[in-house]
Amino acid sequence: MSPERAEAVALMALGWLASDEELCGVFLGSTGASADDLRAQAGDPAFLASVLEFVTMDDDWVRACCDANGLDYETPLRARYALPGAESVHWT
């Protein structure tokens, strides 16, 4: 997946997340971001990566986000790996 496509997917996820007031509050609380940060950092690939990391923490969130945006369920994680910071993920 190209970085440009990954950013587009992350923006879809951000829009979905912002539309769910309760879940958006959880995201803001867990990241320390503010509502203003959501708007100000929407163009930052590293911030968009954090959105995808958050959404992909829960299968139900992935399904809901993908269903709302017409995406395959694998797309958010593939997009996450195409954005900055994924190279530092270690599973061991």
PDB file of N, CA and C in Angstrom:
ATOM      1  N   MET A   1       0.855  -1.174   0.000  1.00  0.00           N
ATOM      2  CA  MET A   1       0.000   0.000   0.000  1.00  0.00           C
ATOM      3  C   MET A   1       0.899   1.234   0.000  1.00  0.00           C
ATOM      4  N   SER A   2       0.548   2.187  -0.814  1.00  0.00           N
ATOM      5  CA  SER A   2       1.335   3.417  -0.881  1.00  0.00           C
ATOM      6  C   SER A   2       1.082   4.273   0.368  1.00  0.00           C
ATOM      7  N   PRO A   3       2.044   5.092   0.730  1.00  0.00           N
ATOM      8  CA  PRO A   3       1.829   5.989   1.873  1.00  0.00           C
ATOM      9  C   PRO A   3       0.632   6.926   1.656  1.00  0.00           C
ATOM     10  N   GLU A   4       0.413   7.347   0.432  1.00  0.00           N
ATOM     11  CA  GLU A   4      -0.718   8.242   0.150  1.00  0.00           C
ATOM     12  C   GLU A   4      -2.049   7.536   0.404  1.00  0.00           C
ATOM     13  N   ARG A   5      -2.154   6.277  -0.035  1.00  0.00           N
ATOM     14  CA  ARG A   5      -3.375   5.503   0.196  1.00  0.00           C
ATOM     15  C   ARG A   5      -3.537   5.239   1.692  1.00  0.00           C
ATOM     16  N   ALA A   6      -2.437   4.948   2.372  1.00  0.00           N
ATOM     17  CA  ALA A   6      -2.488   4.704   3.811  1.00  0.00           C
ATOM     18  C   ALA A   6      -2.998   5.934   4.549  1.00  0.00           C
ATOM     19  N   GLU A   7      -2.543   7.108   4.152  1.00  0.00           N
ATOM     20  CA  GLU A   7      -3.028   8.338   4.778  1.00  0.00           C
ATOM     21  C   GLU A   7      -4.514   8.536   4.520  1.00  0.00           C
ATOM     22  N   ALA A   8      -4.970   8.211   3.320  1.00  0.00           N
ATOM     23  CA  ALA A   8      -6.395   8.333   3.008  1.00  0.00           C
ATOM     24  C   ALA A   8      -7.219   7.391   3.882  1.00  0.00           C
ATOM     25  N   VAL A   9      -6.740   6.166   4.064  1.00  0.00           N
ATOM     26  CA  VAL A   9      -7.438   5.205   4.936  1.00  0.00           C
ATOM     27  C   VAL A   9      -7.453   5.725   6.369  1.00  0.00           C
ATOM     28  N   ALA A  10      -6.334   6.262   6.822  1.00  0.00           N
ATOM     29  CA  ALA A  10      -6.259   6.790   8.190  1.00  0.00           C
ATOM     30  C   ALA A  10      -7.203   7.970   8.382  1.00  0.00           C
ATOM     31  N   LEU A  11      -7.336   8.806   7.368  1.00  0.00           N
ATOM     32  CA  LEU A  11      -8.290   9.923   7.460  1.00  0.00           C
ATOM     33  C   LEU A  11      -9.720   9.411   7.538  1.00  0.00           C
ATOM     34  N   MET A  12     -10.027   8.333   6.820  1.00  0.00           N
ATOM     35  CA  MET A  12     -11.354   7.721   6.936  1.00  0.00           C
ATOM     36  C   MET A  12     -11.574   7.215   8.351  1.00  0.00           C
ATOM     37  N   ALA A  13     -10.541   6.579   8.897  1.00  0.00           N
ATOM     38  CA  ALA A  13     -10.642   6.066  10.266  1.00  0.00           C
ATOM     39  C   ALA A  13     -10.801   7.208  11.260  1.00  0.00           C
ATOM     40  N   LEU A  14     -10.086   8.298  11.038  1.00  0.00           N
ATOM     41  CA  LEU A  14     -10.213   9.460  11.915  1.00  0.00           C
ATOM     42  C   LEU A  14     -11.619  10.038  11.850  1.00  0.00           C
ATOM     43  N   GLY A  15     -12.180  10.126  10.665  1.00  0.00           N
ATOM     44  CA  GLY A  15     -13.550  10.607  10.520  1.00  0.00           C
ATOM     45  C   GLY A  15     -14.540   9.712  11.238  1.00  0.00           C
ATOM     46  N   TRP A  16     -14.348   8.411  11.092  1.00  0.00           N
ATOM     47  CA  TRP A  16     -15.225   7.457  11.775  1.00  0.00           C
ATOM     48  C   TRP A  16     -15.083   7.609  13.284  1.00  0.00           C
ATOM     49  N   LEU A  17     -13.844   7.697  13.745  1.00  0.00           N
ATOM     50  CA  LEU A  17     -13.582   7.830  15.168  1.00  0.00           C
ATOM     51  C   LEU A  17     -14.196   9.109  15.730  1.00  0.00           C
ATOM     52  N   ALA A  18     -14.038  10.196  15.014  1.00  0.00           N
ATOM     53  CA  ALA A  18     -14.575  11.481  15.468  1.00  0.00           C
ATOM     54  C   ALA A  18     -16.100  11.476  15.518  1.00  0.00           C
ATOM     55  N   SER A  19     -16.727  10.624  14.723  1.00  0.00           N
ATOM     56  CA  SER A  19     -18.193  10.571  14.699  1.00  0.00           C
ATOM     57  C   SER A  19     -18.771   9.801  15.887  1.00  0.00           C
ATOM     58  N   ASP A  20     -17.935   9.078  16.599  1.00  0.00           N
ATOM     59  CA  ASP A  20     -18.368   8.323  17.778  1.00  0.00           C
ATOM     60  C   ASP A  20     -17.852   9.060  19.015  1.00  0.00           C
ATOM     61  N   GLU A  21     -18.706   9.849  19.617  1.00  0.00           N
ATOM     62  CA  GLU A  21     -18.293  10.722  20.718  1.00  0.00           C
ATOM     63  C   GLU A  21     -17.646   9.959  21.864  1.00  0.00           C
ATOM     64  N   GLU A  22     -18.226   8.837  22.236  1.00  0.00           N
ATOM     65  CA  GLU A  22     -17.690   8.068  23.366  1.00  0.00           C
ATOM     66  C   GLU A  22     -16.318   7.484  23.027  1.00  0.00           C
ATOM     67  N   LEU A  23     -16.198   6.837  21.880  1.00  0.00           N
ATOM     68  CA  LEU A  23     -14.934   6.231  21.495  1.00  0.00           C
ATOM     69  C   LEU A  23     -13.866   7.283  21.223  1.00  0.00           C
ATOM     70  N   CYS A  24     -14.267   8.392  20.656  1.00  0.00           N
ATOM     71  CA  CYS A  24     -13.321   9.484  20.420  1.00  0.00           C
ATOM     72  C   CYS A  24     -12.771   9.991  21.755  1.00  0.00           C
ATOM     73  N   GLY A  25     -13.621  10.041  22.755  1.00  0.00           N
ATOM     74  CA  GLY A  25     -13.172  10.434  24.087  1.00  0.00           C
ATOM     75  C   GLY A  25     -12.144   9.466  24.648  1.00  0.00           C
ATOM     76  N   VAL A  26     -12.342   8.178  24.383  1.00  0.00           N
ATOM     77  CA  VAL A  26     -11.371   7.172  24.830  1.00  0.00           C
ATOM     78  C   VAL A  26     -10.040   7.407  24.122  1.00  0.00           C
ATOM     79  N   PHE A  27     -10.094   7.659  22.810  1.00  0.00           N
ATOM     80  CA  PHE A  27      -8.874   7.926  22.049  1.00  0.00           C
ATOM     81  C   PHE A  27      -8.168   9.165  22.586  1.00  0.00           C
ATOM     82  N   LEU A  28      -8.907  10.228  22.782  1.00  0.00           N
ATOM     83  CA  LEU A  28      -8.303  11.461  23.293  1.00  0.00           C
ATOM     84  C   LEU A  28      -7.674  11.232  24.657  1.00  0.00           C
ATOM     85  N   GLY A  29      -8.373  10.519  25.510  1.00  0.00           N
ATOM     86  CA  GLY A  29      -7.852  10.243  26.844  1.00  0.00           C
ATOM     87  C   GLY A  29      -6.611   9.368  26.821  1.00  0.00           C
ATOM     88  N   SER A  30      -6.574   8.409  25.915  1.00  0.00           N
ATOM     89  CA  SER A  30      -5.430   7.498  25.879  1.00  0.00           C
ATOM     90  C   SER A  30      -4.208   8.119  25.218  1.00  0.00           C
ATOM     91  N   THR A  31      -4.411   9.099  24.353  1.00  0.00           N
ATOM     92  CA  THR A  31      -3.285   9.716  23.651  1.00  0.00           C
ATOM     93  C   THR A  31      -2.867  11.055  24.247  1.00  0.00           C
ATOM     94  N   GLY A  32      -3.733  11.651  25.034  1.00  0.00           N
ATOM     95  CA  GLY A  32      -3.449  12.979  25.559  1.00  0.00           C
ATOM     96  C   GLY A  32      -3.738  14.081  24.557  1.00  0.00           C
ATOM     97  N   ALA A  33      -4.307  13.707  23.420  1.00  0.00           N
ATOM     98  CA  ALA A  33      -4.651  14.691  22.390  1.00  0.00           C
ATOM     99  C   ALA A  33      -5.933  15.420  22.778  1.00  0.00           C
ATOM    100  N   SER A  34      -6.138  16.575  22.165  1.00  0.00           N
ATOM    101  CA  SER A  34      -7.371  17.333  22.358  1.00  0.00           C
ATOM    102  C   SER A  34      -8.158  17.305  21.056  1.00  0.00           C
ATOM    103  N   ALA A  35      -9.396  17.771  21.123  1.00  0.00           N
ATOM    104  CA  ALA A  35     -10.208  17.851  19.903  1.00  0.00           C
ATOM    105  C   ALA A  35      -9.530  18.760  18.879  1.00  0.00           C
ATOM    106  N   ASP A  36      -8.901  19.812  19.334  1.00  0.00           N
ATOM    107  CA  ASP A  36      -8.175  20.702  18.427  1.00  0.00           C
ATOM    108  C   ASP A  36      -7.009  19.978  17.759  1.00  0.00           C
ATOM    109  N   ASP A  37      -6.367  19.081  18.502  1.00  0.00           N
ATOM    110  CA  ASP A  37      -5.266  18.301  17.928  1.00  0.00           C
ATOM    111  C   ASP A  37      -5.736  17.426  16.777  1.00  0.00           C
ATOM    112  N   LEU A  38      -6.956  16.904  16.882  1.00  0.00           N
ATOM    113  CA  LEU A  38      -7.484  16.065  15.801  1.00  0.00           C
ATOM    114  C   LEU A  38      -7.485  16.829  14.485  1.00  0.00           C
ATOM    115  N   ARG A  39      -7.914  18.065  14.545  1.00  0.00           N
ATOM    116  CA  ARG A  39      -7.948  18.888  13.334  1.00  0.00           C
ATOM    117  C   ARG A  39      -6.545  19.325  12.922  1.00  0.00           C
ATOM    118  N   ALA A  40      -5.761  19.757  13.869  1.00  0.00           N
ATOM    119  CA  ALA A  40      -4.438  20.308  13.575  1.00  0.00           C
ATOM    120  C   ALA A  40      -3.464  19.248  13.069  1.00  0.00           C
ATOM    121  N   GLN A  41      -3.617  18.021  13.537  1.00  0.00           N
ATOM    122  CA  GLN A  41      -2.653  16.983  13.180  1.00  0.00           C
ATOM    123  C   GLN A  41      -3.169  16.007  12.131  1.00  0.00           C
ATOM    124  N   ALA A  42      -4.311  16.277  11.556  1.00  0.00           N
ATOM    125  CA  ALA A  42      -4.898  15.362  10.574  1.00  0.00           C
ATOM    126  C   ALA A  42      -4.019  15.162   9.352  1.00  0.00           C
ATOM    127  N   GLY A  43      -3.098  16.062   9.087  1.00  0.00           N
ATOM    128  CA  GLY A  43      -2.190  15.917   7.958  1.00  0.00           C
ATOM    129  C   GLY A  43      -0.846  15.307   8.315  1.00  0.00           C
ATOM    130  N   ASP A  44      -0.647  14.957   9.583  1.00  0.00           N
ATOM    131  CA  ASP A  44       0.621  14.409  10.051  1.00  0.00           C
ATOM    132  C   ASP A  44       0.587  12.878   9.974  1.00  0.00           C
ATOM    133  N   PRO A  45       1.412  12.270   9.130  1.00  0.00           N
ATOM    134  CA  PRO A  45       1.397  10.812   8.991  1.00  0.00           C
ATOM    135  C   PRO A  45       1.628  10.070  10.308  1.00  0.00           C
ATOM    136  N   ALA A  46       2.453  10.601  11.190  1.00  0.00           N
ATOM    137  CA  ALA A  46       2.689   9.940  12.474  1.00  0.00           C
ATOM    138  C   ALA A  46       1.430   9.960  13.347  1.00  0.00           C
ATOM    139  N   PHE A  47       0.699  11.066  13.332  1.00  0.00           N
ATOM    140  CA  PHE A  47      -0.561  11.130  14.083  1.00  0.00           C
ATOM    141  C   PHE A  47      -1.584  10.177  13.469  1.00  0.00           C
ATOM    142  N   LEU A  48      -1.652  10.154  12.150  1.00  0.00           N
ATOM    143  CA  LEU A  48      -2.583   9.243  11.477  1.00  0.00           C
ATOM    144  C   LEU A  48      -2.246   7.792  11.801  1.00  0.00           C
ATOM    145  N   ALA A  49      -0.970   7.491  11.936  1.00  0.00           N
ATOM    146  CA  ALA A  49      -0.567   6.145  12.337  1.00  0.00           C
ATOM    147  C   ALA A  49      -1.110   5.813  13.723  1.00  0.00           C
ATOM    148  N   SER A  50      -1.100   6.794  14.624  1.00  0.00           N
ATOM    149  CA  SER A  50      -1.622   6.552  15.974  1.00  0.00           C
ATOM    150  C   SER A  50      -3.124   6.291  15.944  1.00  0.00           C
ATOM    151  N   VAL A  51      -3.815   6.941  15.026  1.00  0.00           N
ATOM    152  CA  VAL A  51      -5.260   6.680  14.869  1.00  0.00           C
ATOM    153  C   VAL A  51      -5.469   5.229  14.454  1.00  0.00           C
ATOM    154  N   LEU A  52      -4.707   4.778  13.478  1.00  0.00           N
ATOM    155  CA  LEU A  52      -4.851   3.391  13.018  1.00  0.00           C
ATOM    156  C   LEU A  52      -4.426   2.399  14.086  1.00  0.00           C
ATOM    157  N   GLU A  53      -3.395   2.722  14.846  1.00  0.00           N
ATOM    158  CA  GLU A  53      -3.000   1.835  15.952  1.00  0.00           C
ATOM    159  C   GLU A  53      -4.132   1.699  16.954  1.00  0.00           C
ATOM    160  N   PHE A  54      -4.792   2.802  17.247  1.00  0.00           N
ATOM    161  CA  PHE A  54      -5.904   2.764  18.201  1.00  0.00           C
ATOM    162  C   PHE A  54      -7.063   1.938  17.643  1.00  0.00           C
ATOM    163  N   VAL A  55      -7.469   2.216  16.432  1.00  0.00           N
ATOM    164  CA  VAL A  55      -8.624   1.517  15.839  1.00  0.00           C
ATOM    165  C   VAL A  55      -8.358   0.021  15.738  1.00  0.00           C
ATOM    166  N   THR A  56      -7.131  -0.361  15.400  1.00  0.00           N
ATOM    167  CA  THR A  56      -6.840  -1.786  15.215  1.00  0.00           C
ATOM    168  C   THR A  56      -6.629  -2.537  16.528  1.00  0.00           C
ATOM    169  N   MET A  57      -6.783  -1.867  17.653  1.00  0.00           N
ATOM    170  CA  MET A  57      -6.678  -2.541  18.949  1.00  0.00           C
ATOM    171  C   MET A  57      -7.886  -3.429  19.229  1.00  0.00           C
ATOM    172  N   ASP A  58      -8.985  -3.212  18.552  1.00  0.00           N
ATOM    173  CA  ASP A  58     -10.223  -3.940  18.857  1.00  0.00           C
ATOM    174  C   ASP A  58     -10.882  -4.390  17.554  1.00  0.00           C
ATOM    175  N   ASP A  59     -11.160  -5.676  17.440  1.00  0.00           N
ATOM    176  CA  ASP A  59     -11.763  -6.201  16.216  1.00  0.00           C
ATOM    177  C   ASP A  59     -13.112  -5.565  15.910  1.00  0.00           C
ATOM    178  N   ASP A  60     -13.902  -5.287  16.939  1.00  0.00           N
ATOM    179  CA  ASP A  60     -15.205  -4.656  16.715  1.00  0.00           C
ATOM    180  C   ASP A  60     -15.044  -3.263  16.129  1.00  0.00           C
ATOM    181  N   TRP A  61     -14.024  -2.529  16.578  1.00  0.00           N
ATOM    182  CA  TRP A  61     -13.768  -1.190  16.033  1.00  0.00           C
ATOM    183  C   TRP A  61     -13.331  -1.289  14.578  1.00  0.00           C
ATOM    184  N   VAL A  62     -12.493  -2.270  14.284  1.00  0.00           N
ATOM    185  CA  VAL A  62     -12.041  -2.460  12.900  1.00  0.00           C
ATOM    186  C   VAL A  62     -13.237  -2.740  12.004  1.00  0.00           C
ATOM    187  N   ARG A  63     -14.079  -3.669  12.424  1.00  0.00           N
ATOM    188  CA  ARG A  63     -15.258  -4.008  11.604  1.00  0.00           C
ATOM    189  C   ARG A  63     -16.162  -2.800  11.416  1.00  0.00           C
ATOM    190  N   ALA A  64     -16.435  -2.069  12.480  1.00  0.00           N
ATOM    191  CA  ALA A  64     -17.327  -0.915  12.385  1.00  0.00           C
ATOM    192  C   ALA A  64     -16.737   0.166  11.479  1.00  0.00           C
ATOM    193  N   CYS A  65     -15.459   0.444  11.636  1.00  0.00           N
ATOM    194  CA  CYS A  65     -14.792   1.457  10.826  1.00  0.00           C
ATOM    195  C   CYS A  65     -14.791   1.049   9.355  1.00  0.00           C
ATOM    196  N   CYS A  66     -14.450  -0.201   9.098  1.00  0.00           N
ATOM    197  CA  CYS A  66     -14.407  -0.684   7.712  1.00  0.00           C
ATOM    198  C   CYS A  66     -15.797  -0.725   7.090  1.00  0.00           C
ATOM    199  N   ASP A  67     -16.776  -1.175   7.838  1.00  0.00           N
ATOM    200  CA  ASP A  67     -18.147  -1.208   7.321  1.00  0.00           C
ATOM    201  C   ASP A  67     -18.626   0.200   6.983  1.00  0.00           C
ATOM    202  N   ALA A  68     -18.302   1.155   7.818  1.00  0.00           N
ATOM    203  CA  ALA A  68     -18.725   2.538   7.596  1.00  0.00           C
ATOM    204  C   ALA A  68     -18.046   3.157   6.379  1.00  0.00           C
ATOM    205  N   ASN A  69     -16.849   2.679   6.058  1.00  0.00           N
ATOM    206  CA  ASN A  69     -16.067   3.280   4.976  1.00  0.00           C
ATOM    207  C   ASN A  69     -15.926   2.393   3.743  1.00  0.00           C
ATOM    208  N   GLY A  70     -16.576   1.236   3.741  1.00  0.00           N
ATOM    209  CA  GLY A  70     -16.506   0.341   2.592  1.00  0.00           C
ATOM    210  C   GLY A  70     -15.118  -0.233   2.359  1.00  0.00           C
ATOM    211  N   LEU A  71     -14.421  -0.564   3.437  1.00  0.00           N
ATOM    212  CA  LEU A  71     -13.060  -1.092   3.350  1.00  0.00           C
ATOM    213  C   LEU A  71     -13.033  -2.569   3.728  1.00  0.00           C
ATOM    214  N   ASP A  72     -12.060  -3.289   3.193  1.00  0.00           N
ATOM    215  CA  ASP A  72     -11.805  -4.654   3.646  1.00  0.00           C
ATOM    216  C   ASP A  72     -11.274  -4.589   5.073  1.00  0.00           C
ATOM    217  N   TYR A  73     -11.537  -5.620   5.859  1.00  0.00           N
ATOM    218  CA  TYR A  73     -11.143  -5.604   7.258  1.00  0.00           C
ATOM    219  C   TYR A  73      -9.628  -5.588   7.464  1.00  0.00           C
ATOM    220  N   GLU A  74      -8.872  -5.995   6.487  1.00  0.00           N
ATOM    221  CA  GLU A  74      -7.417  -5.985   6.596  1.00  0.00           C
ATOM    222  C   GLU A  74      -6.815  -4.613   6.299  1.00  0.00           C
ATOM    223  N   THR A  75      -7.582  -3.748   5.689  1.00  0.00           N
ATOM    224  CA  THR A  75      -7.052  -2.473   5.197  1.00  0.00           C
ATOM    225  C   THR A  75      -6.466  -1.572   6.282  1.00  0.00           C
ATOM    226  N   PRO A  76      -7.113  -1.382   7.425  1.00  0.00           N
ATOM    227  CA  PRO A  76      -6.509  -0.488   8.429  1.00  0.00           C
ATOM    228  C   PRO A  76      -5.127  -0.942   8.898  1.00  0.00           C
ATOM    229  N   LEU A  77      -4.946  -2.230   9.098  1.00  0.00           N
ATOM    230  CA  LEU A  77      -3.644  -2.705   9.551  1.00  0.00           C
ATOM    231  C   LEU A  77      -2.606  -2.581   8.437  1.00  0.00           C
ATOM    232  N   ARG A  78      -2.985  -2.896   7.218  1.00  0.00           N
ATOM    233  CA  ARG A  78      -2.064  -2.719   6.099  1.00  0.00           C
ATOM    234  C   ARG A  78      -1.676  -1.251   5.972  1.00  0.00           C
ATOM    235  N   ALA A  79      -2.640  -0.361   6.164  1.00  0.00           N
ATOM    236  CA  ALA A  79      -2.348   1.078   6.100  1.00  0.00           C
ATOM    237  C   ALA A  79      -1.411   1.478   7.223  1.00  0.00           C
ATOM    238  N   ARG A  80      -1.625   0.925   8.405  1.00  0.00           N
ATOM    239  CA  ARG A  80      -0.755   1.251   9.537  1.00  0.00           C
ATOM    240  C   ARG A  80       0.689   0.918   9.216  1.00  0.00           C
ATOM    241  N   TYR A  81       0.923  -0.233   8.592  1.00  0.00           N
ATOM    242  CA  TYR A  81       2.282  -0.651   8.265  1.00  0.00           C
ATOM    243  C   TYR A  81       2.924   0.206   7.184  1.00  0.00           C
ATOM    244  N   ALA A  82       2.133   0.957   6.455  1.00  0.00           N
ATOM    245  CA  ALA A  82       2.661   1.831   5.400  1.00  0.00           C
ATOM    246  C   ALA A  82       2.983   3.235   5.911  1.00  0.00           C
ATOM    247  N   LEU A  83       2.670   3.511   7.169  1.00  0.00           N
ATOM    248  CA  LEU A  83       2.909   4.836   7.740  1.00  0.00           C
ATOM    249  C   LEU A  83       4.111   4.806   8.690  1.00  0.00           C
ATOM    250  N   PRO A  84       4.647   5.961   9.040  1.00  0.00           N
ATOM    251  CA  PRO A  84       5.838   6.027   9.896  1.00  0.00           C
ATOM    252  C   PRO A  84       5.648   5.307  11.231  1.00  0.00           C
ATOM    253  N   GLY A  85       6.720   4.679  11.675  1.00  0.00           N
ATOM    254  CA  GLY A  85       6.727   4.026  12.976  1.00  0.00           C
ATOM    255  C   GLY A  85       6.496   2.538  12.937  1.00  0.00           C
ATOM    256  N   ALA A  86       5.959   2.021  11.857  1.00  0.00           N
ATOM    257  CA  ALA A  86       5.679   0.589  11.795  1.00  0.00           C
ATOM    258  C   ALA A  86       6.961  -0.235  11.775  1.00  0.00           C
ATOM    259  N   GLU A  87       8.026   0.360  11.283  1.00  0.00           N
ATOM    260  CA  GLU A  87       9.280  -0.385  11.224  1.00  0.00           C
ATOM    261  C   GLU A  87       9.833  -0.684  12.606  1.00  0.00           C
ATOM    262  N   SER A  88       9.348  -0.011  13.639  1.00  0.00           N
ATOM    263  CA  SER A  88       9.847  -0.253  14.993  1.00  0.00           C
ATOM    264  C   SER A  88       8.975  -1.227  15.776  1.00  0.00           C
ATOM    265  N   VAL A  89       7.963  -1.819  15.143  1.00  0.00           N
ATOM    266  CA  VAL A  89       7.093  -2.770  15.830  1.00  0.00           C
ATOM    267  C   VAL A  89       7.802  -4.122  15.904  1.00  0.00           C
ATOM    268  N   HIS A  90       7.905  -4.653  17.123  1.00  0.00           N
ATOM    269  CA  HIS A  90       8.528  -5.962  17.342  1.00  0.00           C
ATOM    270  C   HIS A  90       7.525  -6.830  18.097  1.00  0.00           C
ATOM    271  N   TRP A  91       7.330  -8.029  17.624  1.00  0.00           N
ATOM    272  CA  TRP A  91       6.337  -8.911  18.226  1.00  0.00           C
ATOM    273  C   TRP A  91       6.954  -9.891  19.212  1.00  0.00           C
ATOM    274  N   THR A  92       8.237  -9.788  19.471  1.00  0.00           N
ATOM    275  CA  THR A  92       8.858 -10.693  20.437  1.00  0.00           C
ATOM    276  C   THR A  92       9.381  -9.926  21.622  1.00  0.00           C
TER     277      THR A  92
END
